[in-house]
Amino acid sequence: MKHNIVIRPEKHRDFKDIVSPVLRSFKEGTDYSDGTDIVALI
């Protein structure tokens, strides 16, 4: 199955959609992070 994927620079309106799963994955997905400063890391 072939899908067309478009990679583009993020826009300001994308921030909430990007940061939510990132913070959730670090807070809930690992014992190695307290969930702080993850956005700065990424």
Protein backbone atom coordinates (compact mmCIF):
# COMPACT_ATOMS: atom_id res chain seq x y z
CA MET A 1 0.00 0.00 0.00
CA LYS A 2 1.45 3.34 -0.99
CA HIS A 3 0.62 6.56 0.83
CA ASN A 4 1.55 10.09 -0.05
CA ILE A 5 3.24 11.74 2.91
CA VAL A 6 3.99 15.44 2.92
CA ILE A 7 6.62 16.72 5.33
CA ARG A 8 6.44 20.45 5.95
CA PRO A 9 7.67 22.91 8.56
CA GLU A 10 5.32 23.15 11.51
CA LYS A 11 3.12 26.18 11.87
CA HIS A 12 2.08 27.95 15.04
CA ARG A 13 -1.37 26.37 14.87
CA ASP A 14 0.25 22.89 14.87
CA PHE A 15 1.89 23.35 18.28
CA LYS A 16 -0.93 21.89 20.40
CA ASP A 17 -1.19 18.80 18.16
CA ILE A 18 2.56 18.28 18.33
CA VAL A 19 3.23 18.93 22.00
CA SER A 20 0.35 16.88 23.45
CA PRO A 21 1.50 13.42 22.32
CA VAL A 22 5.14 14.30 23.00
CA LEU A 23 4.48 15.30 26.60
CA ARG A 24 2.16 12.35 27.10
CA SER A 25 4.67 9.86 25.77
CA PHE A 26 7.41 11.10 28.08
CA LYS A 27 5.18 11.40 31.15
CA GLU A 28 3.39 8.09 30.72
CA GLY A 29 5.78 6.08 28.60
CA THR A 30 9.00 6.00 30.58
CA ASP A 31 10.37 5.92 34.08
CA TYR A 32 13.36 8.00 32.95
CA SER A 33 11.62 11.34 32.57
CA ASP A 34 9.55 13.59 34.80
CA GLY A 35 8.03 15.26 31.73
CA THR A 36 9.71 18.64 32.22
CA ASP A 37 11.63 20.46 29.49
CA ILE A 38 10.78 17.78 26.93
CA VAL A 39 9.63 20.34 24.37
CA ALA A 40 13.00 22.10 24.61
CA LEU A 41 14.76 18.79 24.08
CA ILE A 42 12.79 17.98 20.97
